[in-house]
Amino acid sequence: MAKHILISGASRGIGRATALALAAPDVALTLAARSVEALEEIAAEVRMRGAEAQVVPCDLTAEPHVHRLVEVAAGAEGRIDVAIHSVGGALVAPLHEIRTADWEASMRQQLTSLFLLTRYATARMQAGGLLINIASVAARQVFPGWAVYAAAKHGALGFLGAVREELRSEGVRVCSILPAAVDTALWDAVPGEWNRANMLQPDDVAAAVQSIVALPDYVTVEDLTIGHVAGRL
């Protein structure tokens, strides 16, 4: 029986690397993102590795989209074994330059999308099911100019901590992965000079996800922090 894995944000960065890391003959992947073209490209690579793959263009902040995504991923068996929330993007600005509309859009992108995917995907999980959120060290650390991002990541960690305790009795596992800076397109839009040589690569985070997915159904990794040996940027 194939393992049903749903990956949001699968068209680029960590989500894309995770899709490739998890692709195997006994895996059925549902790949979600906004870009159909990018999804089709990664789906072709996944199939070359022996996995099944279907693409679902999706706005993760829109409830009808997420509901449909989960229904498609669950398929005829009505089951999702692993759901991975990987959403990029960061609003970086001093407090007094942050507009209310930008704050609300960022919270919707980061937190509402997580809420919706968690709500619908975990309802399709049996004992041994696994939800993974790609969070950030910003869920526990703070950096000047990153107030909005830190608020979203702190909120995500608290939200999933509570959900974890709700679902524990059902045998459904909830994991937050907290990477330090990862060399993705996110940094193209962040002001300042950044040493990308001291950043993780998307494949590094994907390898952590792969190792967690491979664990027995009764083993839970709840919060995992990973970073570059060089330390903070």
Foldseek 3Di string as FASTA:
>chain_A
DAAQEEFEPCLFFLNVLLLLLPQAQRYAYEYEEQDPVSQVVSQVNSVVRNYHYDYQYADLLDLVRLLVSLDVSCPPVLAHQEYEYDFDAAQFAAPVVDDPVNLVVLLSRQPSSVVSNCVNRVVSYAALGEYEYAAACLLPDDDGRRVSNSVSRVVVLVVQVVVQVVCVVRNYEYAYEHEYAEPTCNVVPDDDDDDNVQWHYSNVVSVVVSVQSPDPSNDYDHYHYDGGPVDHD
